[in-house]
């Protein structure tokens, strides 16, 4: 009977290091991007389980305070061409 333990019994620490080095050479340049994507995905998954809204990515996406909204409205009314 073929089991996972029988498969792993033939691989020693030297072979595991060699496999790791080959994977590192192949996927090395993309590892930061993959790690970032995994981190964002895990965070969104946890937030989804909690029922929270996603966090804004920039200050432009962040909700404005009442004073900021009033200030923006004043700038928009004074900048209109007449």
PDB file of N, CA and C in Angstrom:
ATOM      1  N   UNK A   1       0.837  -1.180   0.000  1.00  0.00           N
ATOM      2  CA  UNK A   1       0.000   0.000   0.000  1.00  0.00           C
ATOM      3  C   UNK A   1       0.883   1.245   0.000  1.00  0.00           C
ATOM      4  N   UNK A   2       0.587   2.205  -0.861  1.00  0.00           N
ATOM      5  CA  UNK A   2       1.381   3.424  -1.008  1.00  0.00           C
ATOM      6  C   UNK A   2       0.894   4.469  -0.008  1.00  0.00           C
ATOM      7  N   UNK A   3       1.777   4.884   0.871  1.00  0.00           N
ATOM      8  CA  UNK A   3       1.407   5.910   1.847  1.00  0.00           C
ATOM      9  C   UNK A   3       2.365   7.082   1.735  1.00  0.00           C
ATOM     10  N   UNK A   4       1.958   8.172   2.321  1.00  0.00           N
ATOM     11  CA  UNK A   4       2.780   9.375   2.283  1.00  0.00           C
ATOM     12  C   UNK A   4       4.069   9.175   3.076  1.00  0.00           C
ATOM     13  N   UNK A   5       4.010   8.441   4.172  1.00  0.00           N
ATOM     14  CA  UNK A   5       5.199   8.201   4.993  1.00  0.00           C
ATOM     15  C   UNK A   5       6.236   7.396   4.212  1.00  0.00           C
ATOM     16  N   UNK A   6       5.802   6.453   3.402  1.00  0.00           N
ATOM     17  CA  UNK A   6       6.734   5.658   2.608  1.00  0.00           C
ATOM     18  C   UNK A   6       7.414   6.532   1.559  1.00  0.00           C
ATOM     19  N   UNK A   7       6.698   7.490   1.012  1.00  0.00           N
ATOM     20  CA  UNK A   7       7.279   8.398   0.020  1.00  0.00           C
ATOM     21  C   UNK A   7       8.350   9.282   0.650  1.00  0.00           C
ATOM     22  N   UNK A   8       8.068   9.802   1.834  1.00  0.00           N
ATOM     23  CA  UNK A   8       9.005  10.710   2.485  1.00  0.00           C
ATOM     24  C   UNK A   8      10.188   9.994   3.121  1.00  0.00           C
ATOM     25  N   UNK A   9      10.102   8.697   3.320  1.00  0.00           N
ATOM     26  CA  UNK A   9      11.202   7.984   3.966  1.00  0.00           C
ATOM     27  C   UNK A   9      12.437   7.924   3.074  1.00  0.00           C
ATOM     28  N   UNK A  10      12.287   8.071   1.771  1.00  0.00           N
ATOM     29  CA  UNK A  10      13.418   8.013   0.858  1.00  0.00           C
ATOM     30  C   UNK A  10      14.112   9.348   0.655  1.00  0.00           C
ATOM     31  N   UNK A  11      13.562  10.432   1.213  1.00  0.00           N
ATOM     32  CA  UNK A  11      14.138  11.763   1.035  1.00  0.00           C
ATOM     33  C   UNK A  11      14.854  12.158   2.321  1.00  0.00           C
ATOM     34  N   UNK A  12      16.133  12.441   2.192  1.00  0.00           N
ATOM     35  CA  UNK A  12      16.922  12.850   3.347  1.00  0.00           C
ATOM     36  C   UNK A  12      17.066  14.354   3.421  1.00  0.00           C
ATOM     37  N   UNK A  13      17.769  14.848   4.430  1.00  0.00           N
ATOM     38  CA  UNK A  13      17.936  16.295   4.585  1.00  0.00           C
ATOM     39  C   UNK A  13      18.696  16.931   3.420  1.00  0.00           C
ATOM     40  N   UNK A  14      19.639  16.219   2.848  1.00  0.00           N
ATOM     41  CA  UNK A  14      20.379  16.756   1.703  1.00  0.00           C
ATOM     42  C   UNK A  14      19.489  16.977   0.503  1.00  0.00           C
ATOM     43  N   UNK A  15      18.612  16.023   0.242  1.00  0.00           N
ATOM     44  CA  UNK A  15      17.684  16.158  -0.885  1.00  0.00           C
ATOM     45  C   UNK A  15      16.689  17.289  -0.648  1.00  0.00           C
ATOM     46  N   UNK A  16      16.233  17.437   0.597  1.00  0.00           N
ATOM     47  CA  UNK A  16      15.295  18.519   0.910  1.00  0.00           C
ATOM     48  C   UNK A  16      15.947  19.885   0.698  1.00  0.00           C
ATOM     49  N   UNK A  17      17.211  20.016   1.093  1.00  0.00           N
ATOM     50  CA  UNK A  17      17.927  21.275   0.881  1.00  0.00           C
ATOM     51  C   UNK A  17      18.083  21.547  -0.611  1.00  0.00           C
ATOM     52  N   UNK A  18      18.408  20.521  -1.382  1.00  0.00           N
ATOM     53  CA  UNK A  18      18.560  20.677  -2.828  1.00  0.00           C
ATOM     54  C   UNK A  18      17.242  21.104  -3.479  1.00  0.00           C
ATOM     55  N   UNK A  19      16.156  20.474  -3.091  1.00  0.00           N
ATOM     56  CA  UNK A  19      14.831  20.842  -3.623  1.00  0.00           C
ATOM     57  C   UNK A  19      14.503  22.288  -3.260  1.00  0.00           C
ATOM     58  N   UNK A  20      14.790  22.664  -2.010  1.00  0.00           N
ATOM     59  CA  UNK A  20      14.530  24.032  -1.567  1.00  0.00           C
ATOM     60  C   UNK A  20      15.339  25.040  -2.384  1.00  0.00           C
ATOM     61  N   UNK A  21      16.611  24.749  -2.643  1.00  0.00           N
ATOM     62  CA  UNK A  21      17.448  25.662  -3.421  1.00  0.00           C
ATOM     63  C   UNK A  21      16.955  25.810  -4.859  1.00  0.00           C
ATOM     64  N   UNK A  22      16.533  24.708  -5.466  1.00  0.00           N
ATOM     65  CA  UNK A  22      16.002  24.775  -6.832  1.00  0.00           C
ATOM     66  C   UNK A  22      14.726  25.621  -6.857  1.00  0.00           C
ATOM     67  N   UNK A  23      13.844  25.408  -5.889  1.00  0.00           N
ATOM     68  CA  UNK A  23      12.617  26.206  -5.820  1.00  0.00           C
ATOM     69  C   UNK A  23      12.936  27.681  -5.590  1.00  0.00           C
ATOM     70  N   UNK A  24      13.943  27.949  -4.770  1.00  0.00           N
ATOM     71  CA  UNK A  24      14.329  29.329  -4.507  1.00  0.00           C
ATOM     72  C   UNK A  24      14.880  30.002  -5.766  1.00  0.00           C
ATOM     73  N   UNK A  25      15.657  29.282  -6.548  1.00  0.00           N
ATOM     74  CA  UNK A  25      16.187  29.839  -7.797  1.00  0.00           C
ATOM     75  C   UNK A  25      15.081  30.107  -8.815  1.00  0.00           C
ATOM     76  N   UNK A  26      14.114  29.207  -8.878  1.00  0.00           N
ATOM     77  CA  UNK A  26      13.037  29.348  -9.864  1.00  0.00           C
ATOM     78  C   UNK A  26      12.066  30.452  -9.463  1.00  0.00           C
ATOM     79  N   UNK A  27      11.653  30.459  -8.195  1.00  0.00           N
ATOM     80  CA  UNK A  27      10.610  31.387  -7.756  1.00  0.00           C
ATOM     81  C   UNK A  27      11.146  32.569  -6.961  1.00  0.00           C
ATOM     82  N   UNK A  28      12.446  32.686  -6.795  1.00  0.00           N
ATOM     83  CA  UNK A  28      13.049  33.736  -5.978  1.00  0.00           C
ATOM     84  C   UNK A  28      12.610  35.148  -6.301  1.00  0.00           C
ATOM     85  N   UNK A  29      12.672  35.571  -7.564  1.00  0.00           N
ATOM     86  CA  UNK A  29      12.299  36.954  -7.876  1.00  0.00           C
ATOM     87  C   UNK A  29      10.833  37.278  -7.586  1.00  0.00           C
ATOM     88  N   UNK A  30       9.991  36.266  -7.562  1.00  0.00           N
ATOM     89  CA  UNK A  30       8.563  36.506  -7.346  1.00  0.00           C
ATOM     90  C   UNK A  30       8.140  36.292  -5.900  1.00  0.00           C
ATOM     91  N   UNK A  31       9.041  35.887  -5.023  1.00  0.00           N
ATOM     92  CA  UNK A  31       8.667  35.585  -3.643  1.00  0.00           C
ATOM     93  C   UNK A  31       8.094  36.786  -2.884  1.00  0.00           C
ATOM     94  N   UNK A  32       8.655  37.994  -2.988  1.00  0.00           N
ATOM     95  CA  UNK A  32       8.038  39.119  -2.274  1.00  0.00           C
ATOM     96  C   UNK A  32       6.602  39.384  -2.722  1.00  0.00           C
ATOM     97  N   UNK A  33       6.366  39.295  -4.020  1.00  0.00           N
ATOM     98  CA  UNK A  33       5.012  39.514  -4.543  1.00  0.00           C
ATOM     99  C   UNK A  33       4.052  38.428  -4.055  1.00  0.00           C
ATOM    100  N   UNK A  34       4.515  37.187  -4.063  1.00  0.00           N
ATOM    101  CA  UNK A  34       3.677  36.074  -3.605  1.00  0.00           C
ATOM    102  C   UNK A  34       3.371  36.224  -2.121  1.00  0.00           C
ATOM    103  N   UNK A  35       4.379  36.579  -1.335  1.00  0.00           N
ATOM    104  CA  UNK A  35       4.169  36.772   0.100  1.00  0.00           C
ATOM    105  C   UNK A  35       3.196  37.895   0.392  1.00  0.00           C
ATOM    106  N   UNK A  36       3.329  38.995  -0.347  1.00  0.00           N
ATOM    107  CA  UNK A  36       2.426  40.127  -0.171  1.00  0.00           C
ATOM    108  C   UNK A  36       0.998  39.731  -0.525  1.00  0.00           C
ATOM    109  N   UNK A  37       0.838  39.020  -1.620  1.00  0.00           N
ATOM    110  CA  UNK A  37      -0.498  38.585  -2.046  1.00  0.00           C
ATOM    111  C   UNK A  37      -1.121  37.644  -1.025  1.00  0.00           C
ATOM    112  N   UNK A  38      -0.314  36.720  -0.515  1.00  0.00           N
ATOM    113  CA  UNK A  38      -0.820  35.801   0.509  1.00  0.00           C
ATOM    114  C   UNK A  38      -1.236  36.554   1.766  1.00  0.00           C
ATOM    115  N   UNK A  39      -0.423  37.510   2.185  1.00  0.00           N
ATOM    116  CA  UNK A  39      -0.749  38.290   3.380  1.00  0.00           C
ATOM    117  C   UNK A  39      -2.036  39.072   3.222  1.00  0.00           C
ATOM    118  N   UNK A  40      -2.206  39.706   2.071  1.00  0.00           N
ATOM    119  CA  UNK A  40      -3.429  40.472   1.813  1.00  0.00           C
ATOM    120  C   UNK A  40      -4.636  39.542   1.769  1.00  0.00           C
ATOM    121  N   UNK A  41      -4.474  38.395   1.119  1.00  0.00           N
ATOM    122  CA  UNK A  41      -5.579  37.439   1.033  1.00  0.00           C
ATOM    123  C   UNK A  41      -5.991  36.907   2.391  1.00  0.00           C
ATOM    124  N   UNK A  42      -5.017  36.576   3.223  1.00  0.00           N
ATOM    125  CA  UNK A  42      -5.323  36.071   4.568  1.00  0.00           C
ATOM    126  C   UNK A  42      -6.007  37.146   5.393  1.00  0.00           C
ATOM    127  N   UNK A  43      -5.526  38.396   5.290  1.00  0.00           N
ATOM    128  CA  UNK A  43      -6.130  39.491   6.045  1.00  0.00           C
ATOM    129  C   UNK A  43      -7.573  39.727   5.607  1.00  0.00           C
ATOM    130  N   UNK A  44      -7.820  39.722   4.301  1.00  0.00           N
ATOM    131  CA  UNK A  44      -9.184  39.908   3.813  1.00  0.00           C
ATOM    132  C   UNK A  44     -10.083  38.756   4.241  1.00  0.00           C
ATOM    133  N   UNK A  45      -9.545  37.547   4.258  1.00  0.00           N
ATOM    134  CA  UNK A  45     -10.323  36.389   4.690  1.00  0.00           C
ATOM    135  C   UNK A  45     -10.713  36.527   6.157  1.00  0.00           C
ATOM    136  N   UNK A  46      -9.762  36.921   7.002  1.00  0.00           N
ATOM    137  CA  UNK A  46     -10.055  37.092   8.428  1.00  0.00           C
ATOM    138  C   UNK A  46     -11.059  38.212   8.647  1.00  0.00           C
ATOM    139  N   UNK A  47     -10.891  39.324   7.914  1.00  0.00           N
ATOM    140  CA  UNK A  47     -11.845  40.423   8.028  1.00  0.00           C
ATOM    141  C   UNK A  47     -13.234  39.988   7.580  1.00  0.00           C
ATOM    142  N   UNK A  48     -13.298  39.152   6.558  1.00  0.00           N
ATOM    143  CA  UNK A  48     -14.584  38.648   6.087  1.00  0.00           C
ATOM    144  C   UNK A  48     -15.257  37.763   7.119  1.00  0.00           C
ATOM    145  N   UNK A  49     -14.473  36.973   7.828  1.00  0.00           N
ATOM    146  CA  UNK A  49     -15.035  36.133   8.880  1.00  0.00           C
ATOM    147  C   UNK A  49     -15.567  36.972  10.035  1.00  0.00           C
ATOM    148  N   UNK A  50     -14.894  38.090  10.314  1.00  0.00           N
ATOM    149  CA  UNK A  50     -15.327  38.968  11.396  1.00  0.00           C
ATOM    150  C   UNK A  50     -16.480  39.866  10.960  1.00  0.00           C
ATOM    151  N   UNK A  51     -16.674  40.003   9.669  1.00  0.00           N
ATOM    152  CA  UNK A  51     -17.726  40.870   9.150  1.00  0.00           C
ATOM    153  C   UNK A  51     -17.292  42.320   9.037  1.00  0.00           C
ATOM    154  N   UNK A  52     -15.994  42.578   9.031  1.00  0.00           N
ATOM    155  CA  UNK A  52     -15.486  43.942   8.925  1.00  0.00           C
ATOM    156  C   UNK A  52     -15.356  44.350   7.468  1.00  0.00           C
ATOM    157  N   UNK A  53     -15.388  45.653   7.247  1.00  0.00           N
ATOM    158  CA  UNK A  53     -15.189  46.195   5.908  1.00  0.00           C
ATOM    159  C   UNK A  53     -13.698  46.237   5.618  1.00  0.00           C
ATOM    160  N   UNK A  54     -13.294  46.110   4.350  1.00  0.00           N
ATOM    161  CA  UNK A  54     -11.870  46.204   4.013  1.00  0.00           C
ATOM    162  C   UNK A  54     -11.325  47.586   4.337  1.00  0.00           C
ATOM    163  N   UNK A  55     -10.056  47.636   4.722  1.00  0.00           N
ATOM    164  CA  UNK A  55      -9.414  48.897   5.065  1.00  0.00           C
ATOM    165  C   UNK A  55      -9.065  49.659   3.795  1.00  0.00           C
ATOM    166  N   UNK A  56      -9.200  50.997   3.822  1.00  0.00           N
ATOM    167  CA  UNK A  56      -8.842  51.778   2.636  1.00  0.00           C
ATOM    168  C   UNK A  56      -7.351  51.653   2.342  1.00  0.00           C
ATOM    169  N   UNK A  57      -7.011  51.623   1.056  1.00  0.00           N
ATOM    170  CA  UNK A  57      -5.616  51.450   0.651  1.00  0.00           C
ATOM    171  C   UNK A  57      -4.863  52.770   0.619  1.00  0.00           C
ATOM    172  N   UNK A  58      -5.562  53.872   0.465  1.00  0.00           N
ATOM    173  CA  UNK A  58      -4.885  55.162   0.446  1.00  0.00           C
ATOM    174  C   UNK A  58      -5.745  56.187   1.164  1.00  0.00           C
ATOM    175  N   UNK A  59      -5.171  57.328   1.423  1.00  0.00           N
ATOM    176  CA  UNK A  59      -5.911  58.363   2.130  1.00  0.00           C
ATOM    177  C   UNK A  59      -7.053  58.914   1.275  1.00  0.00           C
ATOM    178  N   UNK A  60      -6.957  58.788  -0.047  1.00  0.00           N
ATOM    179  CA  UNK A  60      -8.032  59.262  -0.918  1.00  0.00           C
ATOM    180  C   UNK A  60      -9.273  58.386  -0.770  1.00  0.00           C
ATOM    181  N   UNK A  61      -9.079  57.113  -0.438  1.00  0.00           N
ATOM    182  CA  UNK A  61     -10.200  56.204  -0.262  1.00  0.00           C
ATOM    183  C   UNK A  61     -10.783  56.266   1.143  1.00  0.00           C
ATOM    184  N   UNK A  62     -10.061  56.864   2.073  1.00  0.00           N
ATOM    185  CA  UNK A  62     -10.497  56.894   3.467  1.00  0.00           C
ATOM    186  C   UNK A  62     -11.699  57.820   3.612  1.00  0.00           C
ATOM    187  N   UNK A  63     -12.606  57.489   4.539  1.00  0.00           N
ATOM    188  CA  UNK A  63     -13.748  58.369   4.760  1.00  0.00           C
ATOM    189  C   UNK A  63     -13.283  59.706   5.334  1.00  0.00           C
ATOM    190  N   UNK A  64     -13.925  60.766   4.911  1.00  0.00           N
ATOM    191  CA  UNK A  64     -13.534  62.097   5.344  1.00  0.00           C
ATOM    192  C   UNK A  64     -14.293  62.485   6.601  1.00  0.00           C
ATOM    193  N   UNK A  65     -13.672  63.342   7.402  1.00  0.00           N
ATOM    194  CA  UNK A  65     -14.366  63.895   8.555  1.00  0.00           C
ATOM    195  C   UNK A  65     -15.287  65.003   8.066  1.00  0.00           C
ATOM    196  N   UNK A  66     -16.151  65.466   8.943  1.00  0.00           N
ATOM    197  CA  UNK A  66     -17.108  66.500   8.565  1.00  0.00           C
ATOM    198  C   UNK A  66     -16.393  67.778   8.148  1.00  0.00           C
ATOM    199  N   UNK A  67     -15.349  68.154   8.872  1.00  0.00           N
ATOM    200  CA  UNK A  67     -14.630  69.391   8.529  1.00  0.00           C
ATOM    201  C   UNK A  67     -13.922  69.258   7.181  1.00  0.00           C
ATOM    202  N   UNK A  68     -13.377  68.083   6.865  1.00  0.00           N
ATOM    203  CA  UNK A  68     -12.724  67.879   5.568  1.00  0.00           C
ATOM    204  C   UNK A  68     -13.736  67.964   4.437  1.00  0.00           C
ATOM    205  N   UNK A  69     -14.923  67.407   4.643  1.00  0.00           N
ATOM    206  CA  UNK A  69     -15.963  67.469   3.617  1.00  0.00           C
ATOM    207  C   UNK A  69     -16.393  68.909   3.369  1.00  0.00           C
ATOM    208  N   UNK A  70     -16.595  69.668   4.458  1.00  0.00           N
ATOM    209  CA  UNK A  70     -17.004  71.060   4.310  1.00  0.00           C
ATOM    210  C   UNK A  70     -15.927  71.866   3.593  1.00  0.00           C
ATOM    211  N   UNK A  71     -14.667  71.588   3.922  1.00  0.00           N
ATOM    212  CA  UNK A  71     -13.560  72.295   3.281  1.00  0.00           C
ATOM    213  C   UNK A  71     -13.511  71.982   1.787  1.00  0.00           C
ATOM    214  N   UNK A  72     -13.706  70.720   1.421  1.00  0.00           N
ATOM    215  CA  UNK A  72     -13.712  70.324   0.010  1.00  0.00           C
ATOM    216  C   UNK A  72     -14.876  70.964  -0.736  1.00  0.00           C
ATOM    217  N   UNK A  73     -16.040  71.043  -0.097  1.00  0.00           N
ATOM    218  CA  UNK A  73     -17.200  71.662  -0.735  1.00  0.00           C
ATOM    219  C   UNK A  73     -16.951  73.147  -0.973  1.00  0.00           C
ATOM    220  N   UNK A  74     -16.292  73.810  -0.024  1.00  0.00           N
ATOM    221  CA  UNK A  74     -15.990  75.230  -0.189  1.00  0.00           C
ATOM    222  C   UNK A  74     -15.020  75.441  -1.347  1.00  0.00           C
ATOM    223  N   UNK A  75     -14.021  74.583  -1.467  1.00  0.00           N
ATOM    224  CA  UNK A  75     -13.060  74.704  -2.567  1.00  0.00           C
ATOM    225  C   UNK A  75     -13.734  74.447  -3.911  1.00  0.00           C
ATOM    226  N   UNK A  76     -14.667  73.527  -3.940  1.00  0.00           N
ATOM    227  CA  UNK A  76     -15.345  73.213  -5.198  1.00  0.00           C
ATOM    228  C   UNK A  76     -16.239  74.363  -5.635  1.00  0.00           C
ATOM    229  N   UNK A  77     -16.895  75.027  -4.699  1.00  0.00           N
ATOM    230  CA  UNK A  77     -17.786  76.130  -5.071  1.00  0.00           C
ATOM    231  C   UNK A  77     -16.994  77.355  -5.495  1.00  0.00           C
ATOM    232  N   UNK A  78     -15.805  77.576  -4.922  1.00  0.00           N
ATOM    233  CA  UNK A  78     -15.011  78.751  -5.305  1.00  0.00           C
ATOM    234  C   UNK A  78     -14.241  78.524  -6.597  1.00  0.00           C
ATOM    235  N   UNK A  79     -14.019  77.288  -6.992  1.00  0.00           N
ATOM    236  CA  UNK A  79     -13.235  76.985  -8.187  1.00  0.00           C
ATOM    237  C   UNK A  79     -14.075  76.884  -9.456  1.00  0.00           C
ATOM    238  N   UNK A  80     -15.378  76.962  -9.348  1.00  0.00           N
ATOM    239  CA  UNK A  80     -16.229  76.837 -10.534  1.00  0.00           C
ATOM    240  C   UNK A  80     -16.042  78.046 -11.447  1.00  0.00           C
ATOM    241  N   UNK A  81     -15.894  77.791 -12.747  1.00  0.00           N
ATOM    242  CA  UNK A  81     -15.762  78.922 -13.685  1.00  0.00           C
ATOM    243  C   UNK A  81     -17.080  79.673 -13.806  1.00  0.00           C
ATOM    244  N   UNK A  82     -17.001  80.984 -13.899  1.00  0.00           N
ATOM    245  CA  UNK A  82     -18.229  81.753 -13.906  1.00  0.00           C
ATOM    246  C   UNK A  82     -18.425  82.568 -15.060  1.00  0.00           C
TER     247      UNK A  82
END
